[in-house]
Amino acid sequence: PSPYVEAKALVNLSRLARYLNRLQ
């Protein structure tokens, strides 16, 4: 299962988190 842990982010996760927290 290690590739699931090692995978890098595809999108800017800080930006995504800001959007998601605001939408929630």
mmCIF file of all heavy atoms, coordinates in Angstrom:
data_MODEL
# 
_entry.id   MODEL 
# 
loop_
_atom_site.group_PDB 
_atom_site.id 
_atom_site.type_symbol 
_atom_site.label_atom_id 
_atom_site.label_alt_id 
_atom_site.label_comp_id 
_atom_site.label_asym_id 
_atom_site.label_entity_id 
_atom_site.label_seq_id 
_atom_site.pdbx_PDB_ins_code 
_atom_site.Cartn_x 
_atom_site.Cartn_y 
_atom_site.Cartn_z 
_atom_site.occupancy 
_atom_site.B_iso_or_equiv 
_atom_site.pdbx_formal_charge 
_atom_site.auth_seq_id 
_atom_site.auth_comp_id 
_atom_site.auth_asym_id 
_atom_site.auth_atom_id 
_atom_site.pdbx_PDB_model_num 
ATOM 1   N N   . PRO A 1 1  ? 0.784   -1.225 0.000   1.00 0.00 ? 1  PRO A N   1 
ATOM 2   C CA  . PRO A 1 1  ? 0.000   0.000  0.000   1.00 0.00 ? 1  PRO A CA  1 
ATOM 3   C C   . PRO A 1 1  ? 0.825   1.290  0.000   1.00 0.00 ? 1  PRO A C   1 
ATOM 4   O O   . PRO A 1 1  ? 0.271   2.384  -0.027  1.00 0.00 ? 1  PRO A O   1 
ATOM 5   C CB  . PRO A 1 1  ? -0.816  -0.100 1.287   1.00 0.00 ? 1  PRO A CB  1 
ATOM 6   C CG  . PRO A 1 1  ? 0.085   -0.863 2.214   1.00 0.00 ? 1  PRO A CG  1 
ATOM 7   C CD  . PRO A 1 1  ? 0.812   -1.853 1.325   1.00 0.00 ? 1  PRO A CD  1 
ATOM 8   N N   . SER A 1 2  ? 2.162   1.172  0.000   1.00 0.00 ? 2  SER A N   1 
ATOM 9   C CA  . SER A 1 2  ? 2.992   2.369  0.162   1.00 0.00 ? 2  SER A CA  1 
ATOM 10  C C   . SER A 1 2  ? 2.765   3.457  -0.900  1.00 0.00 ? 2  SER A C   1 
ATOM 11  O O   . SER A 1 2  ? 2.864   4.642  -0.554  1.00 0.00 ? 2  SER A O   1 
ATOM 12  C CB  . SER A 1 2  ? 4.471   1.992  0.240   1.00 0.00 ? 2  SER A CB  1 
ATOM 13  O OG  . SER A 1 2  ? 4.922   1.430  -0.974  1.00 0.00 ? 2  SER A OG  1 
ATOM 14  N N   . PRO A 1 3  ? 2.451   3.145  -2.171  1.00 0.00 ? 3  PRO A N   1 
ATOM 15  C CA  . PRO A 1 3  ? 2.220   4.245  -3.113  1.00 0.00 ? 3  PRO A CA  1 
ATOM 16  C C   . PRO A 1 3  ? 1.076   5.176  -2.695  1.00 0.00 ? 3  PRO A C   1 
ATOM 17  O O   . PRO A 1 3  ? 1.105   6.368  -2.995  1.00 0.00 ? 3  PRO A O   1 
ATOM 18  C CB  . PRO A 1 3  ? 1.898   3.536  -4.425  1.00 0.00 ? 3  PRO A CB  1 
ATOM 19  C CG  . PRO A 1 3  ? 2.612   2.227  -4.318  1.00 0.00 ? 3  PRO A CG  1 
ATOM 20  C CD  . PRO A 1 3  ? 2.482   1.852  -2.869  1.00 0.00 ? 3  PRO A CD  1 
ATOM 21  N N   . TYR A 1 4  ? 0.105   4.648  -1.982  1.00 0.00 ? 4  TYR A N   1 
ATOM 22  C CA  . TYR A 1 4  ? -1.003  5.493  -1.524  1.00 0.00 ? 4  TYR A CA  1 
ATOM 23  C C   . TYR A 1 4  ? -0.538  6.505  -0.473  1.00 0.00 ? 4  TYR A C   1 
ATOM 24  O O   . TYR A 1 4  ? -1.119  7.573  -0.335  1.00 0.00 ? 4  TYR A O   1 
ATOM 25  C CB  . TYR A 1 4  ? -2.139  4.637  -0.954  1.00 0.00 ? 4  TYR A CB  1 
ATOM 26  C CG  . TYR A 1 4  ? -2.825  3.767  -1.975  1.00 0.00 ? 4  TYR A CG  1 
ATOM 27  C CD1 . TYR A 1 4  ? -2.643  2.392  -1.982  1.00 0.00 ? 4  TYR A CD1 1 
ATOM 28  C CD2 . TYR A 1 4  ? -3.657  4.330  -2.927  1.00 0.00 ? 4  TYR A CD2 1 
ATOM 29  C CE1 . TYR A 1 4  ? -3.280  1.587  -2.912  1.00 0.00 ? 4  TYR A CE1 1 
ATOM 30  C CE2 . TYR A 1 4  ? -4.297  3.524  -3.864  1.00 0.00 ? 4  TYR A CE2 1 
ATOM 31  C CZ  . TYR A 1 4  ? -4.108  2.157  -3.857  1.00 0.00 ? 4  TYR A CZ  1 
ATOM 32  O OH  . TYR A 1 4  ? -4.737  1.376  -4.790  1.00 0.00 ? 4  TYR A OH  1 
ATOM 33  N N   . VAL A 1 5  ? 0.494   6.148  0.274   1.00 0.00 ? 5  VAL A N   1 
ATOM 34  C CA  . VAL A 1 5  ? 1.063   7.054  1.276   1.00 0.00 ? 5  VAL A CA  1 
ATOM 35  C C   . VAL A 1 5  ? 2.052   8.023  0.621   1.00 0.00 ? 5  VAL A C   1 
ATOM 36  O O   . VAL A 1 5  ? 2.084   9.210  0.953   1.00 0.00 ? 5  VAL A O   1 
ATOM 37  C CB  . VAL A 1 5  ? 1.762   6.251  2.397   1.00 0.00 ? 5  VAL A CB  1 
ATOM 38  C CG1 . VAL A 1 5  ? 2.501   7.176  3.353   1.00 0.00 ? 5  VAL A CG1 1 
ATOM 39  C CG2 . VAL A 1 5  ? 0.749   5.394  3.146   1.00 0.00 ? 5  VAL A CG2 1 
ATOM 40  N N   . GLU A 1 6  ? 2.840   7.512  -0.322  1.00 0.00 ? 6  GLU A N   1 
ATOM 41  C CA  . GLU A 1 6  ? 3.911   8.298  -0.942  1.00 0.00 ? 6  GLU A CA  1 
ATOM 42  C C   . GLU A 1 6  ? 3.415   9.314  -1.969  1.00 0.00 ? 6  GLU A C   1 
ATOM 43  O O   . GLU A 1 6  ? 4.148   10.244 -2.303  1.00 0.00 ? 6  GLU A O   1 
ATOM 44  C CB  . GLU A 1 6  ? 4.899   7.353  -1.634  1.00 0.00 ? 6  GLU A CB  1 
ATOM 45  C CG  . GLU A 1 6  ? 5.639   6.445  -0.686  1.00 0.00 ? 6  GLU A CG  1 
ATOM 46  C CD  . GLU A 1 6  ? 6.399   5.341  -1.411  1.00 0.00 ? 6  GLU A CD  1 
ATOM 47  O OE1 . GLU A 1 6  ? 6.585   5.433  -2.647  1.00 0.00 ? 6  GLU A OE1 1 
ATOM 48  O OE2 . GLU A 1 6  ? 6.792   4.379  -0.735  1.00 0.00 ? 6  GLU A OE2 1 
ATOM 49  N N   . ALA A 1 7  ? 2.223   9.143  -2.480  1.00 0.00 ? 7  ALA A N   1 
ATOM 50  C CA  . ALA A 1 7  ? 1.716   10.004 -3.560  1.00 0.00 ? 7  ALA A CA  1 
ATOM 51  C C   . ALA A 1 7  ? 1.760   11.480 -3.159  1.00 0.00 ? 7  ALA A C   1 
ATOM 52  O O   . ALA A 1 7  ? 1.347   11.846 -2.056  1.00 0.00 ? 7  ALA A O   1 
ATOM 53  C CB  . ALA A 1 7  ? 0.294   9.601  -3.923  1.00 0.00 ? 7  ALA A CB  1 
ATOM 54  N N   . LYS A 1 8  ? 2.279   12.290 -4.047  1.00 0.00 ? 8  LYS A N   1 
ATOM 55  C CA  . LYS A 1 8  ? 2.321   13.742 -3.842  1.00 0.00 ? 8  LYS A CA  1 
ATOM 56  C C   . LYS A 1 8  ? 0.963   14.340 -4.196  1.00 0.00 ? 8  LYS A C   1 
ATOM 57  O O   . LYS A 1 8  ? 0.150   13.741 -4.887  1.00 0.00 ? 8  LYS A O   1 
ATOM 58  C CB  . LYS A 1 8  ? 3.401   14.381 -4.724  1.00 0.00 ? 8  LYS A CB  1 
ATOM 59  C CG  . LYS A 1 8  ? 4.785   13.808 -4.533  1.00 0.00 ? 8  LYS A CG  1 
ATOM 60  C CD  . LYS A 1 8  ? 5.378   14.221 -3.220  1.00 0.00 ? 8  LYS A CD  1 
ATOM 61  C CE  . LYS A 1 8  ? 6.807   13.731 -3.110  1.00 0.00 ? 8  LYS A CE  1 
ATOM 62  N NZ  . LYS A 1 8  ? 7.147   13.237 -1.813  1.00 0.00 ? 8  LYS A NZ  1 
ATOM 63  N N   . ALA A 1 9  ? 0.753   15.544 -3.756  1.00 0.00 ? 9  ALA A N   1 
ATOM 64  C CA  . ALA A 1 9  ? -0.498  16.247 -4.052  1.00 0.00 ? 9  ALA A CA  1 
ATOM 65  C C   . ALA A 1 9  ? -0.565  16.602 -5.538  1.00 0.00 ? 9  ALA A C   1 
ATOM 66  O O   . ALA A 1 9  ? 0.446   16.949 -6.149  1.00 0.00 ? 9  ALA A O   1 
ATOM 67  C CB  . ALA A 1 9  ? -0.607  17.507 -3.225  1.00 0.00 ? 9  ALA A CB  1 
ATOM 68  N N   . LEU A 1 10 ? -1.761  16.543 -6.092  1.00 0.00 ? 10 LEU A N   1 
ATOM 69  C CA  . LEU A 1 10 ? -1.981  16.929 -7.484  1.00 0.00 ? 10 LEU A CA  1 
ATOM 70  C C   . LEU A 1 10 ? -2.365  18.400 -7.580  1.00 0.00 ? 10 LEU A C   1 
ATOM 71  O O   . LEU A 1 10 ? -2.138  19.034 -8.596  1.00 0.00 ? 10 LEU A O   1 
ATOM 72  C CB  . LEU A 1 10 ? -3.082  16.055 -8.095  1.00 0.00 ? 10 LEU A CB  1 
ATOM 73  C CG  . LEU A 1 10 ? -3.361  16.255 -9.572  1.00 0.00 ? 10 LEU A CG  1 
ATOM 74  C CD1 . LEU A 1 10 ? -2.158  15.823 -10.409 1.00 0.00 ? 10 LEU A CD1 1 
ATOM 75  C CD2 . LEU A 1 10 ? -4.576  15.451 -10.002 1.00 0.00 ? 10 LEU A CD2 1 
ATOM 76  N N   . VAL A 1 11 ? -2.944  18.929 -6.528  1.00 0.00 ? 11 VAL A N   1 
ATOM 77  C CA  . VAL A 1 11 ? -3.398  20.327 -6.507  1.00 0.00 ? 11 VAL A CA  1 
ATOM 78  C C   . VAL A 1 11 ? -2.755  21.033 -5.319  1.00 0.00 ? 11 VAL A C   1 
ATOM 79  O O   . VAL A 1 11 ? -2.194  20.391 -4.428  1.00 0.00 ? 11 VAL A O   1 
ATOM 80  C CB  . VAL A 1 11 ? -4.939  20.423 -6.414  1.00 0.00 ? 11 VAL A CB  1 
ATOM 81  C CG1 . VAL A 1 11 ? -5.604  19.770 -7.616  1.00 0.00 ? 11 VAL A CG1 1 
ATOM 82  C CG2 . VAL A 1 11 ? -5.462  19.805 -5.129  1.00 0.00 ? 11 VAL A CG2 1 
ATOM 83  N N   . ASN A 1 12 ? -2.850  22.339 -5.290  1.00 0.00 ? 12 ASN A N   1 
ATOM 84  C CA  . ASN A 1 12 ? -2.358  23.120 -4.159  1.00 0.00 ? 12 ASN A CA  1 
ATOM 85  C C   . ASN A 1 12 ? -3.287  22.849 -2.969  1.00 0.00 ? 12 ASN A C   1 
ATOM 86  O O   . ASN A 1 12 ? -4.418  23.341 -2.926  1.00 0.00 ? 12 ASN A O   1 
ATOM 87  C CB  . ASN A 1 12 ? -2.344  24.598 -4.521  1.00 0.00 ? 12 ASN A CB  1 
ATOM 88  C CG  . ASN A 1 12 ? -1.852  25.465 -3.390  1.00 0.00 ? 12 ASN A CG  1 
ATOM 89  O OD1 . ASN A 1 12 ? -2.190  25.262 -2.229  1.00 0.00 ? 12 ASN A OD1 1 
ATOM 90  N ND2 . ASN A 1 12 ? -1.056  26.462 -3.733  1.00 0.00 ? 12 ASN A ND2 1 
ATOM 91  N N   . LEU A 1 13 ? -2.796  22.061 -2.031  1.00 0.00 ? 13 LEU A N   1 
ATOM 92  C CA  . LEU A 1 13 ? -3.652  21.617 -0.929  1.00 0.00 ? 13 LEU A CA  1 
ATOM 93  C C   . LEU A 1 13 ? -3.974  22.720 0.073   1.00 0.00 ? 13 LEU A C   1 
ATOM 94  O O   . LEU A 1 13 ? -5.040  22.703 0.684   1.00 0.00 ? 13 LEU A O   1 
ATOM 95  C CB  . LEU A 1 13 ? -3.030  20.412 -0.232  1.00 0.00 ? 13 LEU A CB  1 
ATOM 96  C CG  . LEU A 1 13 ? -2.947  19.156 -1.110  1.00 0.00 ? 13 LEU A CG  1 
ATOM 97  C CD1 . LEU A 1 13 ? -2.221  18.048 -0.364  1.00 0.00 ? 13 LEU A CD1 1 
ATOM 98  C CD2 . LEU A 1 13 ? -4.323  18.681 -1.550  1.00 0.00 ? 13 LEU A CD2 1 
ATOM 99  N N   . SER A 1 14 ? -3.093  23.685 0.249   1.00 0.00 ? 14 SER A N   1 
ATOM 100 C CA  . SER A 1 14 ? -3.407  24.807 1.135   1.00 0.00 ? 14 SER A CA  1 
ATOM 101 C C   . SER A 1 14 ? -4.578  25.601 0.573   1.00 0.00 ? 14 SER A C   1 
ATOM 102 O O   . SER A 1 14 ? -5.508  25.954 1.307   1.00 0.00 ? 14 SER A O   1 
ATOM 103 C CB  . SER A 1 14 ? -2.194  25.725 1.294   1.00 0.00 ? 14 SER A CB  1 
ATOM 104 O OG  . SER A 1 14 ? -1.150  25.050 1.923   1.00 0.00 ? 14 SER A OG  1 
ATOM 105 N N   . ARG A 1 15 ? -4.522  25.868 -0.720  1.00 0.00 ? 15 ARG A N   1 
ATOM 106 C CA  . ARG A 1 15 ? -5.620  26.583 -1.371  1.00 0.00 ? 15 ARG A CA  1 
ATOM 107 C C   . ARG A 1 15 ? -6.916  25.766 -1.306  1.00 0.00 ? 15 ARG A C   1 
ATOM 108 O O   . ARG A 1 15 ? -7.983  26.301 -1.011  1.00 0.00 ? 15 ARG A O   1 
ATOM 109 C CB  . ARG A 1 15 ? -5.231  26.868 -2.824  1.00 0.00 ? 15 ARG A CB  1 
ATOM 110 C CG  . ARG A 1 15 ? -6.237  27.678 -3.589  1.00 0.00 ? 15 ARG A CG  1 
ATOM 111 C CD  . ARG A 1 15 ? -5.729  27.969 -4.997  1.00 0.00 ? 15 ARG A CD  1 
ATOM 112 N NE  . ARG A 1 15 ? -6.710  28.723 -5.750  1.00 0.00 ? 15 ARG A NE  1 
ATOM 113 C CZ  . ARG A 1 15 ? -6.806  28.710 -7.063  1.00 0.00 ? 15 ARG A CZ  1 
ATOM 114 N NH1 . ARG A 1 15 ? -5.954  27.989 -7.780  1.00 0.00 ? 15 ARG A NH1 1 
ATOM 115 N NH2 . ARG A 1 15 ? -7.728  29.405 -7.672  1.00 0.00 ? 15 ARG A NH2 1 
ATOM 116 N N   . LEU A 1 16 ? -6.801  24.467 -1.578  1.00 0.00 ? 16 LEU A N   1 
ATOM 117 C CA  . LEU A 1 16 ? -7.981  23.604 -1.531  1.00 0.00 ? 16 LEU A CA  1 
ATOM 118 C C   . LEU A 1 16 ? -8.594  23.608 -0.134  1.00 0.00 ? 16 LEU A C   1 
ATOM 119 O O   . LEU A 1 16 ? -9.813  23.741 0.009   1.00 0.00 ? 16 LEU A O   1 
ATOM 120 C CB  . LEU A 1 16 ? -7.611  22.176 -1.945  1.00 0.00 ? 16 LEU A CB  1 
ATOM 121 C CG  . LEU A 1 16 ? -8.761  21.172 -1.909  1.00 0.00 ? 16 LEU A CG  1 
ATOM 122 C CD1 . LEU A 1 16 ? -9.878  21.558 -2.862  1.00 0.00 ? 16 LEU A CD1 1 
ATOM 123 C CD2 . LEU A 1 16 ? -8.249  19.766 -2.205  1.00 0.00 ? 16 LEU A CD2 1 
ATOM 124 N N   . ALA A 1 17 ? -7.765  23.478 0.893   1.00 0.00 ? 17 ALA A N   1 
ATOM 125 C CA  . ALA A 1 17 ? -8.279  23.457 2.265   1.00 0.00 ? 17 ALA A CA  1 
ATOM 126 C C   . ALA A 1 17 ? -9.011  24.760 2.594   1.00 0.00 ? 17 ALA A C   1 
ATOM 127 O O   . ALA A 1 17 ? -10.057 24.737 3.253   1.00 0.00 ? 17 ALA A O   1 
ATOM 128 C CB  . ALA A 1 17 ? -7.147  23.214 3.256   1.00 0.00 ? 17 ALA A CB  1 
ATOM 129 N N   . ARG A 1 18 ? -8.473  25.888 2.142   1.00 0.00 ? 18 ARG A N   1 
ATOM 130 C CA  . ARG A 1 18 ? -9.155  27.170 2.390   1.00 0.00 ? 18 ARG A CA  1 
ATOM 131 C C   . ARG A 1 18 ? -10.548 27.168 1.756   1.00 0.00 ? 18 ARG A C   1 
ATOM 132 O O   . ARG A 1 18 ? -11.530 27.577 2.391   1.00 0.00 ? 18 ARG A O   1 
ATOM 133 C CB  . ARG A 1 18 ? -8.319  28.337 1.863   1.00 0.00 ? 18 ARG A CB  1 
ATOM 134 C CG  . ARG A 1 18 ? -7.133  28.668 2.747   1.00 0.00 ? 18 ARG A CG  1 
ATOM 135 C CD  . ARG A 1 18 ? -6.482  29.996 2.401   1.00 0.00 ? 18 ARG A CD  1 
ATOM 136 N NE  . ARG A 1 18 ? -6.018  30.094 1.030   1.00 0.00 ? 18 ARG A NE  1 
ATOM 137 C CZ  . ARG A 1 18 ? -4.821  29.701 0.601   1.00 0.00 ? 18 ARG A CZ  1 
ATOM 138 N NH1 . ARG A 1 18 ? -3.964  29.135 1.442   1.00 0.00 ? 18 ARG A NH1 1 
ATOM 139 N NH2 . ARG A 1 18 ? -4.475  29.844 -0.666  1.00 0.00 ? 18 ARG A NH2 1 
ATOM 140 N N   . TYR A 1 19 ? -10.635 26.723 0.514   1.00 0.00 ? 19 TYR A N   1 
ATOM 141 C CA  . TYR A 1 19 ? -11.941 26.644 -0.146  1.00 0.00 ? 19 TYR A CA  1 
ATOM 142 C C   . TYR A 1 19 ? -12.882 25.694 0.596   1.00 0.00 ? 19 TYR A C   1 
ATOM 143 O O   . TYR A 1 19 ? -14.045 26.018 0.849   1.00 0.00 ? 19 TYR A O   1 
ATOM 144 C CB  . TYR A 1 19 ? -11.796 26.157 -1.593  1.00 0.00 ? 19 TYR A CB  1 
ATOM 145 C CG  . TYR A 1 19 ? -11.559 27.246 -2.603  1.00 0.00 ? 19 TYR A CG  1 
ATOM 146 C CD1 . TYR A 1 19 ? -10.344 27.361 -3.251  1.00 0.00 ? 19 TYR A CD1 1 
ATOM 147 C CD2 . TYR A 1 19 ? -12.566 28.145 -2.936  1.00 0.00 ? 19 TYR A CD2 1 
ATOM 148 C CE1 . TYR A 1 19 ? -10.112 28.355 -4.204  1.00 0.00 ? 19 TYR A CE1 1 
ATOM 149 C CE2 . TYR A 1 19 ? -12.360 29.134 -3.880  1.00 0.00 ? 19 TYR A CE2 1 
ATOM 150 C CZ  . TYR A 1 19 ? -11.130 29.227 -4.508  1.00 0.00 ? 19 TYR A CZ  1 
ATOM 151 O OH  . TYR A 1 19 ? -10.923 30.207 -5.442  1.00 0.00 ? 19 TYR A OH  1 
ATOM 152 N N   . LEU A 1 20 ? -12.381 24.510 0.930   1.00 0.00 ? 20 LEU A N   1 
ATOM 153 C CA  . LEU A 1 20 ? -13.246 23.507 1.546   1.00 0.00 ? 20 LEU A CA  1 
ATOM 154 C C   . LEU A 1 20 ? -13.740 23.946 2.913   1.00 0.00 ? 20 LEU A C   1 
ATOM 155 O O   . LEU A 1 20 ? -14.919 23.761 3.245   1.00 0.00 ? 20 LEU A O   1 
ATOM 156 C CB  . LEU A 1 20 ? -12.520 22.167 1.628   1.00 0.00 ? 20 LEU A CB  1 
ATOM 157 C CG  . LEU A 1 20 ? -12.150 21.538 0.281   1.00 0.00 ? 20 LEU A CG  1 
ATOM 158 C CD1 . LEU A 1 20 ? -11.509 20.181 0.488   1.00 0.00 ? 20 LEU A CD1 1 
ATOM 159 C CD2 . LEU A 1 20 ? -13.346 21.451 -0.645  1.00 0.00 ? 20 LEU A CD2 1 
ATOM 160 N N   . ASN A 1 21 ? -12.864 24.540 3.707   1.00 0.00 ? 21 ASN A N   1 
ATOM 161 C CA  . ASN A 1 21 ? -13.293 25.007 5.024   1.00 0.00 ? 21 ASN A CA  1 
ATOM 162 C C   . ASN A 1 21 ? -14.330 26.121 4.893   1.00 0.00 ? 21 ASN A C   1 
ATOM 163 O O   . ASN A 1 21 ? -15.308 26.163 5.654   1.00 0.00 ? 21 ASN A O   1 
ATOM 164 C CB  . ASN A 1 21 ? -12.086 25.436 5.854   1.00 0.00 ? 21 ASN A CB  1 
ATOM 165 C CG  . ASN A 1 21 ? -11.282 24.235 6.311   1.00 0.00 ? 21 ASN A CG  1 
ATOM 166 O OD1 . ASN A 1 21 ? -11.831 23.213 6.692   1.00 0.00 ? 21 ASN A OD1 1 
ATOM 167 N ND2 . ASN A 1 21 ? -9.972  24.349 6.253   1.00 0.00 ? 21 ASN A ND2 1 
ATOM 168 N N   . ARG A 1 22 ? -14.141 26.992 3.926   1.00 0.00 ? 22 ARG A N   1 
ATOM 169 C CA  . ARG A 1 22 ? -15.117 28.063 3.716   1.00 0.00 ? 22 ARG A CA  1 
ATOM 170 C C   . ARG A 1 22 ? -16.456 27.498 3.235   1.00 0.00 ? 22 ARG A C   1 
ATOM 171 O O   . ARG A 1 22 ? -17.520 27.903 3.730   1.00 0.00 ? 22 ARG A O   1 
ATOM 172 C CB  . ARG A 1 22 ? -14.573 29.069 2.703   1.00 0.00 ? 22 ARG A CB  1 
ATOM 173 C CG  . ARG A 1 22 ? -15.493 30.234 2.492   1.00 0.00 ? 22 ARG A CG  1 
ATOM 174 C CD  . ARG A 1 22 ? -14.771 31.433 1.939   1.00 0.00 ? 22 ARG A CD  1 
ATOM 175 N NE  . ARG A 1 22 ? -15.713 32.514 1.752   1.00 0.00 ? 22 ARG A NE  1 
ATOM 176 C CZ  . ARG A 1 22 ? -15.571 33.458 0.862   1.00 0.00 ? 22 ARG A CZ  1 
ATOM 177 N NH1 . ARG A 1 22 ? -14.511 33.481 0.080   1.00 0.00 ? 22 ARG A NH1 1 
ATOM 178 N NH2 . ARG A 1 22 ? -16.466 34.406 0.741   1.00 0.00 ? 22 ARG A NH2 1 
ATOM 179 N N   . LEU A 1 23 ? -16.417 26.563 2.291   1.00 0.00 ? 23 LEU A N   1 
ATOM 180 C CA  . LEU A 1 23 ? -17.655 25.951 1.788   1.00 0.00 ? 23 LEU A CA  1 
ATOM 181 C C   . LEU A 1 23 ? -18.385 25.207 2.895   1.00 0.00 ? 23 LEU A C   1 
ATOM 182 O O   . LEU A 1 23 ? -19.612 25.272 2.989   1.00 0.00 ? 23 LEU A O   1 
ATOM 183 C CB  . LEU A 1 23 ? -17.342 25.024 0.615   1.00 0.00 ? 23 LEU A CB  1 
ATOM 184 C CG  . LEU A 1 23 ? -16.971 25.740 -0.679  1.00 0.00 ? 23 LEU A CG  1 
ATOM 185 C CD1 . LEU A 1 23 ? -16.279 24.794 -1.652  1.00 0.00 ? 23 LEU A CD1 1 
ATOM 186 C CD2 . LEU A 1 23 ? -18.219 26.359 -1.319  1.00 0.00 ? 23 LEU A CD2 1 
ATOM 187 N N   . GLN A 1 24 ? -17.650 24.536 3.749   1.00 0.00 ? 24 GLN A N   1 
ATOM 188 C CA  . GLN A 1 24 ? -18.282 23.803 4.846   1.00 0.00 ? 24 GLN A CA  1 
ATOM 189 C C   . GLN A 1 24 ? -18.935 24.778 5.832   1.00 0.00 ? 24 GLN A C   1 
ATOM 190 O O   . GLN A 1 24 ? -20.043 24.525 6.304   1.00 0.00 ? 24 GLN A O   1 
ATOM 191 C CB  . GLN A 1 24 ? -17.251 22.911 5.528   1.00 0.00 ? 24 GLN A CB  1 
ATOM 192 C CG  . GLN A 1 24 ? -17.868 21.741 6.255   1.00 0.00 ? 24 GLN A CG  1 
ATOM 193 C CD  . GLN A 1 24 ? -16.838 20.716 6.647   1.00 0.00 ? 24 GLN A CD  1 
ATOM 194 O OE1 . GLN A 1 24 ? -15.703 21.059 6.999   1.00 0.00 ? 24 GLN A OE1 1 
ATOM 195 N NE2 . GLN A 1 24 ? -17.207 19.453 6.586   1.00 0.00 ? 24 GLN A NE2 1 
# 
